Amino acid sequence: MKTSAKLLEDSLLVIWNDRNADSRLEVMKEIYDPEIVFYESNDGQAITGYEAINDVISALQAQWPLEFMFELTSPAKANHQIQHIGWNLGIPGQPPAASGMDVALIENHKIKSLFLFLNLPENK
């Protein structure tokens, strides 16, 4: 059985880095609760279920260069049912195009809710 922190790492590195929607959907079933809810922003609506999240990932990936990958900035940390992980998105070895943190609620050994916290660019 995967540890909760491993679930969150796999969510980012396996699901969100996979550019094949069909294989990504199969992995989602191992990591996400069937009624997973993804909160992309505080202003946006909740995105619920495998298909809807898979569609969001496909749409985002279509906007990115093929070389873009998520990389961890630190290992996932867990406190009971809550985990968080820091990440960068971009071309490996170059400055990231985006960075942020994911926070997950784990229930029954699967991610039940996933929250995205995007780091906004600093004004200079």
PDB file of N, CA and C in Angstrom:
ATOM      1  N   MET A   1       0.845  -1.184   0.000  1.00  0.00           N
ATOM      2  CA  MET A   1       0.000   0.000   0.000  1.00  0.00           C
ATOM      3  C   MET A   1       0.890   1.247   0.000  1.00  0.00           C
ATOM      4  N   LYS A   2       0.502   2.229  -0.803  1.00  0.00           N
ATOM      5  CA  LYS A   2       1.266   3.462  -0.877  1.00  0.00           C
ATOM      6  C   LYS A   2       1.018   4.304   0.365  1.00  0.00           C
ATOM      7  N   THR A   3       2.064   4.989   0.802  1.00  0.00           N
ATOM      8  CA  THR A   3       1.870   5.933   1.896  1.00  0.00           C
ATOM      9  C   THR A   3       1.138   7.147   1.339  1.00  0.00           C
ATOM     10  N   SER A   4       0.526   7.904   2.201  1.00  0.00           N
ATOM     11  CA  SER A   4      -0.203   9.091   1.764  1.00  0.00           C
ATOM     12  C   SER A   4       0.712  10.074   1.052  1.00  0.00           C
ATOM     13  N   ALA A   5       1.911  10.289   1.581  1.00  0.00           N
ATOM     14  CA  ALA A   5       2.836  11.227   0.961  1.00  0.00           C
ATOM     15  C   ALA A   5       3.226  10.744  -0.435  1.00  0.00           C
ATOM     16  N   LYS A   6       3.383   9.452  -0.613  1.00  0.00           N
ATOM     17  CA  LYS A   6       3.696   8.898  -1.930  1.00  0.00           C
ATOM     18  C   LYS A   6       2.528   9.146  -2.894  1.00  0.00           C
ATOM     19  N   LEU A   7       1.306   9.077  -2.412  1.00  0.00           N
ATOM     20  CA  LEU A   7       0.151   9.379  -3.256  1.00  0.00           C
ATOM     21  C   LEU A   7       0.240  10.800  -3.809  1.00  0.00           C
ATOM     22  N   LEU A   8       0.584  11.749  -2.968  1.00  0.00           N
ATOM     23  CA  LEU A   8       0.664  13.140  -3.402  1.00  0.00           C
ATOM     24  C   LEU A   8       1.809  13.337  -4.393  1.00  0.00           C
ATOM     25  N   GLU A   9       2.949  12.696  -4.138  1.00  0.00           N
ATOM     26  CA  GLU A   9       4.063  12.782  -5.088  1.00  0.00           C
ATOM     27  C   GLU A   9       3.663  12.179  -6.431  1.00  0.00           C
ATOM     28  N   ASP A  10       2.998  11.029  -6.413  1.00  0.00           N
ATOM     29  CA  ASP A  10       2.564  10.401  -7.665  1.00  0.00           C
ATOM     30  C   ASP A  10       1.501  11.240  -8.379  1.00  0.00           C
ATOM     31  N   SER A  11       0.658  11.921  -7.629  1.00  0.00           N
ATOM     32  CA  SER A  11      -0.324  12.808  -8.244  1.00  0.00           C
ATOM     33  C   SER A  11       0.380  13.828  -9.128  1.00  0.00           C
ATOM     34  N   LEU A  12       1.422  14.409  -8.608  1.00  0.00           N
ATOM     35  CA  LEU A  12       2.142  15.448  -9.334  1.00  0.00           C
ATOM     36  C   LEU A  12       3.045  14.867 -10.417  1.00  0.00           C
ATOM     37  N   LEU A  13       3.904  13.924 -10.027  1.00  0.00           N
ATOM     38  CA  LEU A  13       4.943  13.447 -10.945  1.00  0.00           C
ATOM     39  C   LEU A  13       4.446  12.433 -11.965  1.00  0.00           C
ATOM     40  N   VAL A  14       3.474  11.629 -11.610  1.00  0.00           N
ATOM     41  CA  VAL A  14       2.978  10.613 -12.531  1.00  0.00           C
ATOM     42  C   VAL A  14       1.758  11.131 -13.301  1.00  0.00           C
ATOM     43  N   ILE A  15       0.743  11.591 -12.589  1.00  0.00           N
ATOM     44  CA  ILE A  15      -0.483  12.025 -13.272  1.00  0.00           C
ATOM     45  C   ILE A  15      -0.256  13.331 -14.035  1.00  0.00           C
ATOM     46  N   TRP A  16       0.191  14.361 -13.357  1.00  0.00           N
ATOM     47  CA  TRP A  16       0.277  15.686 -13.985  1.00  0.00           C
ATOM     48  C   TRP A  16       1.396  15.789 -15.012  1.00  0.00           C
ATOM     49  N   ASN A  17       2.384  14.907 -14.970  1.00  0.00           N
ATOM     50  CA  ASN A  17       3.439  14.918 -15.986  1.00  0.00           C
ATOM     51  C   ASN A  17       3.112  14.037 -17.187  1.00  0.00           C
ATOM     52  N   ASP A  18       2.107  13.199 -17.084  1.00  0.00           N
ATOM     53  CA  ASP A  18       1.757  12.268 -18.162  1.00  0.00           C
ATOM     54  C   ASP A  18       0.975  13.003 -19.241  1.00  0.00           C
ATOM     55  N   ARG A  19       1.448  12.968 -20.464  1.00  0.00           N
ATOM     56  CA  ARG A  19       0.771  13.651 -21.573  1.00  0.00           C
ATOM     57  C   ARG A  19      -0.199  12.736 -22.321  1.00  0.00           C
ATOM     58  N   ASN A  20      -0.358  11.516 -21.866  1.00  0.00           N
ATOM     59  CA  ASN A  20      -1.315  10.590 -22.479  1.00  0.00           C
ATOM     60  C   ASN A  20      -2.557  10.521 -21.601  1.00  0.00           C
ATOM     61  N   ALA A  21      -3.661  11.066 -22.096  1.00  0.00           N
ATOM     62  CA  ALA A  21      -4.887  11.163 -21.292  1.00  0.00           C
ATOM     63  C   ALA A  21      -5.411   9.794 -20.869  1.00  0.00           C
ATOM     64  N   ASP A  22      -5.272   8.782 -21.715  1.00  0.00           N
ATOM     65  CA  ASP A  22      -5.792   7.452 -21.379  1.00  0.00           C
ATOM     66  C   ASP A  22      -5.000   6.808 -20.246  1.00  0.00           C
ATOM     67  N   SER A  23      -3.675   6.847 -20.333  1.00  0.00           N
ATOM     68  CA  SER A  23      -2.880   6.238 -19.256  1.00  0.00           C
ATOM     69  C   SER A  23      -2.989   7.055 -17.974  1.00  0.00           C
ATOM     70  N   ARG A  24      -3.101   8.370 -18.113  1.00  0.00           N
ATOM     71  CA  ARG A  24      -3.258   9.242 -16.945  1.00  0.00           C
ATOM     72  C   ARG A  24      -4.550   8.899 -16.212  1.00  0.00           C
ATOM     73  N   LEU A  25      -5.617   8.656 -16.949  1.00  0.00           N
ATOM     74  CA  LEU A  25      -6.902   8.304 -16.358  1.00  0.00           C
ATOM     75  C   LEU A  25      -6.815   7.002 -15.563  1.00  0.00           C
ATOM     76  N   GLU A  26      -6.093   6.037 -16.069  1.00  0.00           N
ATOM     77  CA  GLU A  26      -5.939   4.758 -15.358  1.00  0.00           C
ATOM     78  C   GLU A  26      -5.185   4.943 -14.041  1.00  0.00           C
ATOM     79  N   VAL A  27      -4.148   5.768 -14.037  1.00  0.00           N
ATOM     80  CA  VAL A  27      -3.378   6.015 -12.814  1.00  0.00           C
ATOM     81  C   VAL A  27      -4.221   6.791 -11.805  1.00  0.00           C
ATOM     82  N   MET A  28      -5.063   7.686 -12.287  1.00  0.00           N
ATOM     83  CA  MET A  28      -5.942   8.443 -11.392  1.00  0.00           C
ATOM     84  C   MET A  28      -6.771   7.491 -10.531  1.00  0.00           C
ATOM     85  N   LYS A  29      -7.228   6.409 -11.102  1.00  0.00           N
ATOM     86  CA  LYS A  29      -8.071   5.460 -10.383  1.00  0.00           C
ATOM     87  C   LYS A  29      -7.336   4.800  -9.219  1.00  0.00           C
ATOM     88  N   GLU A  30      -6.010   4.749  -9.288  1.00  0.00           N
ATOM     89  CA  GLU A  30      -5.200   4.178  -8.210  1.00  0.00           C
ATOM     90  C   GLU A  30      -4.902   5.197  -7.112  1.00  0.00           C
ATOM     91  N   ILE A  31      -4.868   6.470  -7.467  1.00  0.00           N
ATOM     92  CA  ILE A  31      -4.395   7.513  -6.561  1.00  0.00           C
ATOM     93  C   ILE A  31      -5.523   8.393  -6.026  1.00  0.00           C
ATOM     94  N   TYR A  32      -6.510   8.680  -6.858  1.00  0.00           N
ATOM     95  CA  TYR A  32      -7.598   9.587  -6.489  1.00  0.00           C
ATOM     96  C   TYR A  32      -8.856   8.819  -6.102  1.00  0.00           C
ATOM     97  N   ASP A  33      -9.585   9.355  -5.142  1.00  0.00           N
ATOM     98  CA  ASP A  33     -10.915   8.863  -4.804  1.00  0.00           C
ATOM     99  C   ASP A  33     -11.825   9.089  -6.020  1.00  0.00           C
ATOM    100  N   PRO A  34     -12.789   8.201  -6.278  1.00  0.00           N
ATOM    101  CA  PRO A  34     -13.663   8.388  -7.446  1.00  0.00           C
ATOM    102  C   PRO A  34     -14.387   9.733  -7.468  1.00  0.00           C
ATOM    103  N   GLU A  35     -14.622  10.321  -6.309  1.00  0.00           N
ATOM    104  CA  GLU A  35     -15.298  11.619  -6.253  1.00  0.00           C
ATOM    105  C   GLU A  35     -14.346  12.736  -5.848  1.00  0.00           C
ATOM    106  N   ILE A  36     -13.096  12.614  -6.278  1.00  0.00           N
ATOM    107  CA  ILE A  36     -12.098  13.629  -5.958  1.00  0.00           C
ATOM    108  C   ILE A  36     -12.587  15.014  -6.383  1.00  0.00           C
ATOM    109  N   VAL A  37     -12.222  15.987  -5.565  1.00  0.00           N
ATOM    110  CA  VAL A  37     -12.537  17.381  -5.866  1.00  0.00           C
ATOM    111  C   VAL A  37     -11.209  18.137  -5.934  1.00  0.00           C
ATOM    112  N   PHE A  38     -11.000  18.867  -7.046  1.00  0.00           N
ATOM    113  CA  PHE A  38      -9.791  19.649  -7.265  1.00  0.00           C
ATOM    114  C   PHE A  38     -10.167  21.124  -7.248  1.00  0.00           C
ATOM    115  N   TYR A  39      -9.475  21.878  -6.395  1.00  0.00           N
ATOM    116  CA  TYR A  39      -9.689  23.323  -6.287  1.00  0.00           C
ATOM    117  C   TYR A  39      -8.481  24.010  -6.902  1.00  0.00           C
ATOM    118  N   GLU A  40      -8.659  24.515  -8.130  1.00  0.00           N
ATOM    119  CA  GLU A  40      -7.552  25.136  -8.856  1.00  0.00           C
ATOM    120  C   GLU A  40      -7.256  26.545  -8.347  1.00  0.00           C
ATOM    121  N   SER A  41      -8.317  27.247  -7.917  1.00  0.00           N
ATOM    122  CA  SER A  41      -8.131  28.590  -7.373  1.00  0.00           C
ATOM    123  C   SER A  41      -9.263  28.885  -6.404  1.00  0.00           C
ATOM    124  N   ASN A  42      -9.055  29.881  -5.577  1.00  0.00           N
ATOM    125  CA  ASN A  42     -10.063  30.270  -4.608  1.00  0.00           C
ATOM    126  C   ASN A  42     -11.300  30.857  -5.297  1.00  0.00           C
ATOM    127  N   ASP A  43     -11.097  31.426  -6.485  1.00  0.00           N
ATOM    128  CA  ASP A  43     -12.191  32.049  -7.218  1.00  0.00           C
ATOM    129  C   ASP A  43     -12.909  31.084  -8.157  1.00  0.00           C
ATOM    130  N   GLY A  44     -12.256  29.966  -8.477  1.00  0.00           N
ATOM    131  CA  GLY A  44     -12.823  29.039  -9.444  1.00  0.00           C
ATOM    132  C   GLY A  44     -13.730  28.009  -8.797  1.00  0.00           C
ATOM    133  N   GLN A  45     -14.512  27.364  -9.646  1.00  0.00           N
ATOM    134  CA  GLN A  45     -15.392  26.311  -9.173  1.00  0.00           C
ATOM    135  C   GLN A  45     -14.599  25.033  -8.923  1.00  0.00           C
ATOM    136  N   ALA A  46     -15.125  24.190  -8.060  1.00  0.00           N
ATOM    137  CA  ALA A  46     -14.521  22.890  -7.805  1.00  0.00           C
ATOM    138  C   ALA A  46     -14.626  22.038  -9.066  1.00  0.00           C
ATOM    139  N   ILE A  47     -13.572  21.292  -9.335  1.00  0.00           N
ATOM    140  CA  ILE A  47     -13.539  20.371 -10.469  1.00  0.00           C
ATOM    141  C   ILE A  47     -13.629  18.974  -9.872  1.00  0.00           C
ATOM    142  N   THR A  48     -14.648  18.215 -10.238  1.00  0.00           N
ATOM    143  CA  THR A  48     -14.947  16.958  -9.568  1.00  0.00           C
ATOM    144  C   THR A  48     -14.849  15.776 -10.523  1.00  0.00           C
ATOM    145  N   GLY A  49     -14.157  14.731 -10.069  1.00  0.00           N
ATOM    146  CA  GLY A  49     -14.106  13.475 -10.795  1.00  0.00           C
ATOM    147  C   GLY A  49     -12.920  13.335 -11.730  1.00  0.00           C
ATOM    148  N   TYR A  50     -12.630  12.069 -12.063  1.00  0.00           N
ATOM    149  CA  TYR A  50     -11.479  11.745 -12.915  1.00  0.00           C
ATOM    150  C   TYR A  50     -11.536  12.450 -14.262  1.00  0.00           C
ATOM    151  N   GLU A  51     -12.667  12.325 -14.948  1.00  0.00           N
ATOM    152  CA  GLU A  51     -12.782  12.850 -16.317  1.00  0.00           C
ATOM    153  C   GLU A  51     -12.583  14.362 -16.353  1.00  0.00           C
ATOM    154  N   ALA A  52     -13.221  15.073 -15.428  1.00  0.00           N
ATOM    155  CA  ALA A  52     -13.114  16.534 -15.415  1.00  0.00           C
ATOM    156  C   ALA A  52     -11.682  16.978 -15.126  1.00  0.00           C
ATOM    157  N   ILE A  53     -11.022  16.321 -14.176  1.00  0.00           N
ATOM    158  CA  ILE A  53      -9.631  16.681 -13.869  1.00  0.00           C
ATOM    159  C   ILE A  53      -8.733  16.312 -15.035  1.00  0.00           C
ATOM    160  N   ASN A  54      -8.969  15.173 -15.650  1.00  0.00           N
ATOM    161  CA  ASN A  54      -8.183  14.762 -16.810  1.00  0.00           C
ATOM    162  C   ASN A  54      -8.313  15.789 -17.935  1.00  0.00           C
ATOM    163  N   ASP A  55      -9.515  16.312 -18.145  1.00  0.00           N
ATOM    164  CA  ASP A  55      -9.729  17.338 -19.162  1.00  0.00           C
ATOM    165  C   ASP A  55      -8.967  18.622 -18.832  1.00  0.00           C
ATOM    166  N   VAL A  56      -8.945  19.006 -17.558  1.00  0.00           N
ATOM    167  CA  VAL A  56      -8.194  20.199 -17.142  1.00  0.00           C
ATOM    168  C   VAL A  56      -6.708  20.009 -17.425  1.00  0.00           C
ATOM    169  N   ILE A  57      -6.178  18.844 -17.064  1.00  0.00           N
ATOM    170  CA  ILE A  57      -4.753  18.573 -17.295  1.00  0.00           C
ATOM    171  C   ILE A  57      -4.440  18.637 -18.790  1.00  0.00           C
ATOM    172  N   SER A  58      -5.266  18.001 -19.613  1.00  0.00           N
ATOM    173  CA  SER A  58      -5.044  18.026 -21.065  1.00  0.00           C
ATOM    174  C   SER A  58      -5.049  19.451 -21.609  1.00  0.00           C
ATOM    175  N   ALA A  59      -5.994  20.254 -21.149  1.00  0.00           N
ATOM    176  CA  ALA A  59      -6.086  21.643 -21.622  1.00  0.00           C
ATOM    177  C   ALA A  59      -4.857  22.449 -21.206  1.00  0.00           C
ATOM    178  N   LEU A  60      -4.415  22.273 -19.983  1.00  0.00           N
ATOM    179  CA  LEU A  60      -3.216  22.991 -19.527  1.00  0.00           C
ATOM    180  C   LEU A  60      -1.984  22.537 -20.300  1.00  0.00           C
ATOM    181  N   GLN A  61      -1.816  21.227 -20.433  1.00  0.00           N
ATOM    182  CA  GLN A  61      -0.640  20.709 -21.137  1.00  0.00           C
ATOM    183  C   GLN A  61      -0.591  21.191 -22.587  1.00  0.00           C
ATOM    184  N   ALA A  62      -1.743  21.400 -23.210  1.00  0.00           N
ATOM    185  CA  ALA A  62      -1.784  21.882 -24.588  1.00  0.00           C
ATOM    186  C   ALA A  62      -1.197  23.293 -24.705  1.00  0.00           C
ATOM    187  N   GLN A  63      -1.154  24.023 -23.600  1.00  0.00           N
ATOM    188  CA  GLN A  63      -0.613  25.383 -23.593  1.00  0.00           C
ATOM    189  C   GLN A  63       0.886  25.422 -23.317  1.00  0.00           C
ATOM    190  N   TRP A  64       1.441  24.309 -22.835  1.00  0.00           N
ATOM    191  CA  TRP A  64       2.845  24.271 -22.411  1.00  0.00           C
ATOM    192  C   TRP A  64       3.735  23.659 -23.487  1.00  0.00           C
ATOM    193  N   PRO A  65       5.001  24.068 -23.524  1.00  0.00           N
ATOM    194  CA  PRO A  65       5.956  23.355 -24.377  1.00  0.00           C
ATOM    195  C   PRO A  65       6.037  21.879 -23.961  1.00  0.00           C
ATOM    196  N   LEU A  66       6.326  21.011 -24.910  1.00  0.00           N
ATOM    197  CA  LEU A  66       6.399  19.575 -24.627  1.00  0.00           C
ATOM    198  C   LEU A  66       7.419  19.231 -23.543  1.00  0.00           C
ATOM    199  N   GLU A  67       8.448  20.056 -23.389  1.00  0.00           N
ATOM    200  CA  GLU A  67       9.505  19.783 -22.413  1.00  0.00           C
ATOM    201  C   GLU A  67       9.102  20.107 -20.974  1.00  0.00           C
ATOM    202  N   PHE A  68       7.992  20.797 -20.785  1.00  0.00           N
ATOM    203  CA  PHE A  68       7.581  21.188 -19.433  1.00  0.00           C
ATOM    204  C   PHE A  68       7.319  19.951 -18.583  1.00  0.00           C
ATOM    205  N   MET A  69       7.847  19.986 -17.367  1.00  0.00           N
ATOM    206  CA  MET A  69       7.662  18.909 -16.398  1.00  0.00           C
ATOM    207  C   MET A  69       7.499  19.531 -15.012  1.00  0.00           C
ATOM    208  N   PHE A  70       6.751  18.830 -14.158  1.00  0.00           N
ATOM    209  CA  PHE A  70       6.711  19.178 -12.743  1.00  0.00           C
ATOM    210  C   PHE A  70       7.882  18.520 -12.058  1.00  0.00           C
ATOM    211  N   GLU A  71       8.526  19.255 -11.167  1.00  0.00           N
ATOM    212  CA  GLU A  71       9.597  18.724 -10.332  1.00  0.00           C
ATOM    213  C   GLU A  71       9.316  19.118  -8.889  1.00  0.00           C
ATOM    214  N   LEU A  72       9.661  18.242  -7.963  1.00  0.00           N
ATOM    215  CA  LEU A  72       9.466  18.525  -6.545  1.00  0.00           C
ATOM    216  C   LEU A  72      10.528  19.500  -6.063  1.00  0.00           C
ATOM    217  N   THR A  73      10.125  20.421  -5.212  1.00  0.00           N
ATOM    218  CA  THR A  73      11.102  21.294  -4.566  1.00  0.00           C
ATOM    219  C   THR A  73      11.454  20.758  -3.187  1.00  0.00           C
ATOM    220  N   SER A  74      10.627  19.833  -2.683  1.00  0.00           N
ATOM    221  CA  SER A  74      10.899  19.130  -1.424  1.00  0.00           C
ATOM    222  C   SER A  74       9.976  17.923  -1.381  1.00  0.00           C
ATOM    223  N   PRO A  75      10.325  16.921  -0.596  1.00  0.00           N
ATOM    224  CA  PRO A  75       9.435  15.755  -0.505  1.00  0.00           C
ATOM    225  C   PRO A  75       8.097  16.133   0.120  1.00  0.00           C
ATOM    226  N   ALA A  76       7.095  15.339  -0.176  1.00  0.00           N
ATOM    227  CA  ALA A  76       5.775  15.556   0.425  1.00  0.00           C
ATOM    228  C   ALA A  76       5.866  15.379   1.938  1.00  0.00           C
ATOM    229  N   LYS A  77       5.094  16.189   2.633  1.00  0.00           N
ATOM    230  CA  LYS A  77       5.033  16.100   4.093  1.00  0.00           C
ATOM    231  C   LYS A  77       3.600  15.790   4.492  1.00  0.00           C
ATOM    232  N   ALA A  78       3.455  14.961   5.536  1.00  0.00           N
ATOM    233  CA  ALA A  78       2.123  14.528   5.950  1.00  0.00           C
ATOM    234  C   ALA A  78       1.906  14.796   7.430  1.00  0.00           C
ATOM    235  N   ASN A  79       0.669  15.159   7.762  1.00  0.00           N
ATOM    236  CA  ASN A  79       0.223  15.264   9.139  1.00  0.00           C
ATOM    237  C   ASN A  79      -1.188  14.684   9.164  1.00  0.00           C
ATOM    238  N   HIS A  80      -1.277  13.433   9.592  1.00  0.00           N
ATOM    239  CA  HIS A  80      -2.537  12.693   9.570  1.00  0.00           C
ATOM    240  C   HIS A  80      -3.084  12.647   8.149  1.00  0.00           C
ATOM    241  N   GLN A  81      -4.273  13.167   7.925  1.00  0.00           N
ATOM    242  CA  GLN A  81      -4.886  13.062   6.595  1.00  0.00           C
ATOM    243  C   GLN A  81      -4.547  14.222   5.652  1.00  0.00           C
ATOM    244  N   ILE A  82      -3.697  15.144   6.081  1.00  0.00           N
ATOM    245  CA  ILE A  82      -3.356  16.304   5.260  1.00  0.00           C
ATOM    246  C   ILE A  82      -1.894  16.207   4.831  1.00  0.00           C
ATOM    247  N   GLN A  83      -1.665  16.418   3.543  1.00  0.00           N
ATOM    248  CA  GLN A  83      -0.303  16.422   3.016  1.00  0.00           C
ATOM    249  C   GLN A  83      -0.100  17.668   2.155  1.00  0.00           C
ATOM    250  N   HIS A  84       1.184  18.045   2.018  1.00  0.00           N
ATOM    251  CA  HIS A  84       1.509  19.133   1.091  1.00  0.00           C
ATOM    252  C   HIS A  84       2.830  18.844   0.415  1.00  0.00           C
ATOM    253  N   ILE A  85       2.974  19.442  -0.760  1.00  0.00           N
ATOM    254  CA  ILE A  85       4.194  19.248  -1.544  1.00  0.00           C
ATOM    255  C   ILE A  85       4.464  20.523  -2.337  1.00  0.00           C
ATOM    256  N   GLY A  86       5.733  20.912  -2.419  1.00  0.00           N
ATOM    257  CA  GLY A  86       6.139  22.063  -3.219  1.00  0.00           C
ATOM    258  C   GLY A  86       6.647  21.596  -4.573  1.00  0.00           C
ATOM    259  N   TRP A  87       6.439  22.443  -5.604  1.00  0.00           N
ATOM    260  CA  TRP A  87       6.830  22.047  -6.949  1.00  0.00           C
ATOM    261  C   TRP A  87       7.211  23.244  -7.805  1.00  0.00           C
ATOM    262  N   ASN A  88       7.942  22.933  -8.866  1.00  0.00           N
ATOM    263  CA  ASN A  88       8.230  23.861  -9.951  1.00  0.00           C
ATOM    264  C   ASN A  88       7.720  23.244 -11.236  1.00  0.00           C
ATOM    265  N   LEU A  89       7.340  24.086 -12.184  1.00  0.00           N
ATOM    266  CA  LEU A  89       6.921  23.640 -13.510  1.00  0.00           C
ATOM    267  C   LEU A  89       7.747  24.379 -14.543  1.00  0.00           C
ATOM    268  N   GLY A  90       8.313  23.634 -15.463  1.00  0.00           N
ATOM    269  CA  GLY A  90       9.073  24.251 -16.541  1.00  0.00           C
ATOM    270  C   GLY A  90       9.966  23.227 -17.208  1.00  0.00           C
ATOM    271  N   ILE A  91      10.949  23.730 -17.927  1.00  0.00           N
ATOM    272  CA  ILE A  91      11.920  22.874 -18.599  1.00  0.00           C
ATOM    273  C   ILE A  91      13.013  22.542 -17.588  1.00  0.00           C
ATOM    274  N   PRO A  92      13.238  21.249 -17.311  1.00  0.00           N
ATOM    275  CA  PRO A  92      14.263  20.877 -16.330  1.00  0.00           C
ATOM    276  C   PRO A  92      15.611  21.535 -16.642  1.00  0.00           C
ATOM    277  N   GLY A  93      16.255  22.036 -15.591  1.00  0.00           N
ATOM    278  CA  GLY A  93      17.556  22.684 -15.726  1.00  0.00           C
ATOM    279  C   GLY A  93      17.465  24.165 -16.037  1.00  0.00           C
ATOM    280  N   GLN A  94      16.256  24.680 -16.249  1.00  0.00           N
ATOM    281  CA  GLN A  94      16.065  26.100 -16.513  1.00  0.00           C
ATOM    282  C   GLN A  94      15.208  26.700 -15.403  1.00  0.00           C
ATOM    283  N   PRO A  95      15.204  28.034 -15.267  1.00  0.00           N
ATOM    284  CA  PRO A  95      14.336  28.636 -14.253  1.00  0.00           C
ATOM    285  C   PRO A  95      12.882  28.222 -14.492  1.00  0.00           C
ATOM    286  N   PRO A  96      12.140  27.961 -13.415  1.00  0.00           N
ATOM    287  CA  PRO A  96      10.754  27.501 -13.591  1.00  0.00           C
ATOM    288  C   PRO A  96       9.862  28.583 -14.193  1.00  0.00           C
ATOM    289  N   ALA A  97       8.887  28.129 -14.963  1.00  0.00           N
ATOM    290  CA  ALA A  97       7.867  29.026 -15.504  1.00  0.00           C
ATOM    291  C   ALA A  97       6.802  29.304 -14.452  1.00  0.00           C
ATOM    292  N   ALA A  98       6.625  28.354 -13.536  1.00  0.00           N
ATOM    293  CA  ALA A  98       5.647  28.492 -12.458  1.00  0.00           C
ATOM    294  C   ALA A  98       6.107  27.668 -11.269  1.00  0.00           C
ATOM    295  N   SER A  99       5.604  28.017 -10.103  1.00  0.00           N
ATOM    296  CA  SER A  99       5.894  27.239  -8.899  1.00  0.00           C
ATOM    297  C   SER A  99       4.683  27.324  -7.984  1.00  0.00           C
ATOM    298  N   GLY A 100       4.627  26.388  -7.068  1.00  0.00           N
ATOM    299  CA  GLY A 100       3.506  26.399  -6.150  1.00  0.00           C
ATOM    300  C   GLY A 100       3.548  25.251  -5.179  1.00  0.00           C
ATOM    301  N   MET A 101       2.396  24.967  -4.613  1.00  0.00           N
ATOM    302  CA  MET A 101       2.268  23.912  -3.618  1.00  0.00           C
ATOM    303  C   MET A 101       0.909  23.249  -3.814  1.00  0.00           C
ATOM    304  N   ASP A 102       0.880  21.940  -3.652  1.00  0.00           N
ATOM    305  CA  ASP A 102      -0.375  21.193  -3.628  1.00  0.00           C
ATOM    306  C   ASP A 102      -0.621  20.716  -2.207  1.00  0.00           C
ATOM    307  N   VAL A 103      -1.862  20.773  -1.791  1.00  0.00           N
ATOM    308  CA  VAL A 103      -2.292  20.277  -0.483  1.00  0.00           C
ATOM    309  C   VAL A 103      -3.394  19.264  -0.746  1.00  0.00           C
ATOM    310  N   ALA A 104      -3.309  18.125  -0.071  1.00  0.00           N
ATOM    311  CA  ALA A 104      -4.288  17.059  -0.306  1.00  0.00           C
ATOM    312  C   ALA A 104      -4.893  16.574   1.003  1.00  0.00           C
ATOM    313  N   LEU A 105      -6.158  16.201   0.907  1.00  0.00           N
ATOM    314  CA  LEU A 105      -6.851  15.508   1.983  1.00  0.00           C
ATOM    315  C   LEU A 105      -6.955  14.056   1.555  1.00  0.00           C
ATOM    316  N   ILE A 106      -6.463  13.150   2.403  1.00  0.00           N
ATOM    317  CA  ILE A 106      -6.457  11.725   2.108  1.00  0.00           C
ATOM    318  C   ILE A 106      -7.545  11.041   2.925  1.00  0.00           C
ATOM    319  N   GLU A 107      -8.344  10.220   2.245  1.00  0.00           N
ATOM    320  CA  GLU A 107      -9.349   9.390   2.918  1.00  0.00           C
ATOM    321  C   GLU A 107      -9.300   8.001   2.300  1.00  0.00           C
ATOM    322  N   ASN A 108      -9.296   6.987   3.141  1.00  0.00           N
ATOM    323  CA  ASN A 108      -9.280   5.600   2.677  1.00  0.00           C
ATOM    324  C   ASN A 108      -8.141   5.335   1.694  1.00  0.00           C
ATOM    325  N   HIS A 109      -6.982   5.905   1.990  1.00  0.00           N
ATOM    326  CA  HIS A 109      -5.747   5.678   1.236  1.00  0.00           C
ATOM    327  C   HIS A 109      -5.797   6.215  -0.192  1.00  0.00           C
ATOM    328  N   LYS A 110      -6.644   7.220  -0.431  1.00  0.00           N
ATOM    329  CA  LYS A 110      -6.707   7.884  -1.738  1.00  0.00           C
ATOM    330  C   LYS A 110      -6.880   9.384  -1.516  1.00  0.00           C
ATOM    331  N   ILE A 111      -6.465  10.160  -2.513  1.00  0.00           N
ATOM    332  CA  ILE A 111      -6.636  11.610  -2.429  1.00  0.00           C
ATOM    333  C   ILE A 111      -8.108  11.937  -2.670  1.00  0.00           C
ATOM    334  N   LYS A 112      -8.734  12.536  -1.665  1.00  0.00           N
ATOM    335  CA  LYS A 112     -10.155  12.906  -1.713  1.00  0.00           C
ATOM    336  C   LYS A 112     -10.340  14.334  -2.231  1.00  0.00           C
ATOM    337  N   SER A 113      -9.459  15.249  -1.791  1.00  0.00           N
ATOM    338  CA  SER A 113      -9.503  16.651  -2.212  1.00  0.00           C
ATOM    339  C   SER A 113      -8.085  17.118  -2.489  1.00  0.00           C
ATOM    340  N   LEU A 114      -7.944  17.942  -3.514  1.00  0.00           N
ATOM    341  CA  LEU A 114      -6.640  18.457  -3.920  1.00  0.00           C
ATOM    342  C   LEU A 114      -6.762  19.960  -4.122  1.00  0.00           C
ATOM    343  N   PHE A 115      -5.868  20.710  -3.488  1.00  0.00           N
ATOM    344  CA  PHE A 115      -5.900  22.174  -3.521  1.00  0.00           C
ATOM    345  C   PHE A 115      -4.589  22.680  -4.113  1.00  0.00           C
ATOM    346  N   LEU A 116      -4.675  23.571  -5.087  1.00  0.00           N
ATOM    347  CA  LEU A 116      -3.507  24.174  -5.724  1.00  0.00           C
ATOM    348  C   LEU A 116      -3.270  25.564  -5.149  1.00  0.00           C
ATOM    349  N   PHE A 117      -2.040  25.826  -4.758  1.00  0.00           N
ATOM    350  CA  PHE A 117      -1.606  27.162  -4.341  1.00  0.00           C
ATOM    351  C   PHE A 117      -0.493  27.578  -5.291  1.00  0.00           C
ATOM    352  N   LEU A 118      -0.798  28.494  -6.200  1.00  0.00           N
ATOM    353  CA  LEU A 118       0.156  28.952  -7.204  1.00  0.00           C
ATOM    354  C   LEU A 118       0.903  30.156  -6.667  1.00  0.00           C
ATOM    355  N   ASN A 119       2.231  30.128  -6.761  1.00  0.00           N
ATOM    356  CA  ASN A 119       3.028  31.287  -6.358  1.00  0.00           C
ATOM    357  C   ASN A 119       2.914  32.336  -7.448  1.00  0.00           C
ATOM    358  N   LEU A 120       2.527  33.523  -7.071  1.00  0.00           N
ATOM    359  CA  LEU A 120       2.403  34.611  -8.027  1.00  0.00           C
ATOM    360  C   LEU A 120       3.757  35.292  -8.225  1.00  0.00           C
ATOM    361  N   PRO A 121       4.030  35.779  -9.425  1.00  0.00           N
ATOM    362  CA  PRO A 121       5.312  36.466  -9.664  1.00  0.00           C
ATOM    363  C   PRO A 121       5.444  37.689  -8.763  1.00  0.00           C
ATOM    364  N   GLU A 122       6.662  37.914  -8.335  1.00  0.00           N
ATOM    365  CA  GLU A 122       6.923  39.098  -7.512  1.00  0.00           C
ATOM    366  C   GLU A 122       6.987  40.327  -8.397  1.00  0.00           C
ATOM    367  N   ASN A 123       6.397  41.420  -7.946  1.00  0.00           N
ATOM    368  CA  ASN A 123       6.501  42.675  -8.681  1.00  0.00           C
ATOM    369  C   ASN A 123       7.844  43.312  -8.365  1.00  0.00           C
ATOM    370  N   LYS A 124       8.557  43.691  -9.389  1.00  0.00           N
ATOM    371  CA  LYS A 124       9.887  44.283  -9.171  1.00  0.00           C
ATOM    372  C   LYS A 124       9.908  45.714  -9.602  1.00  0.00           C
TER     373      LYS A 124
END
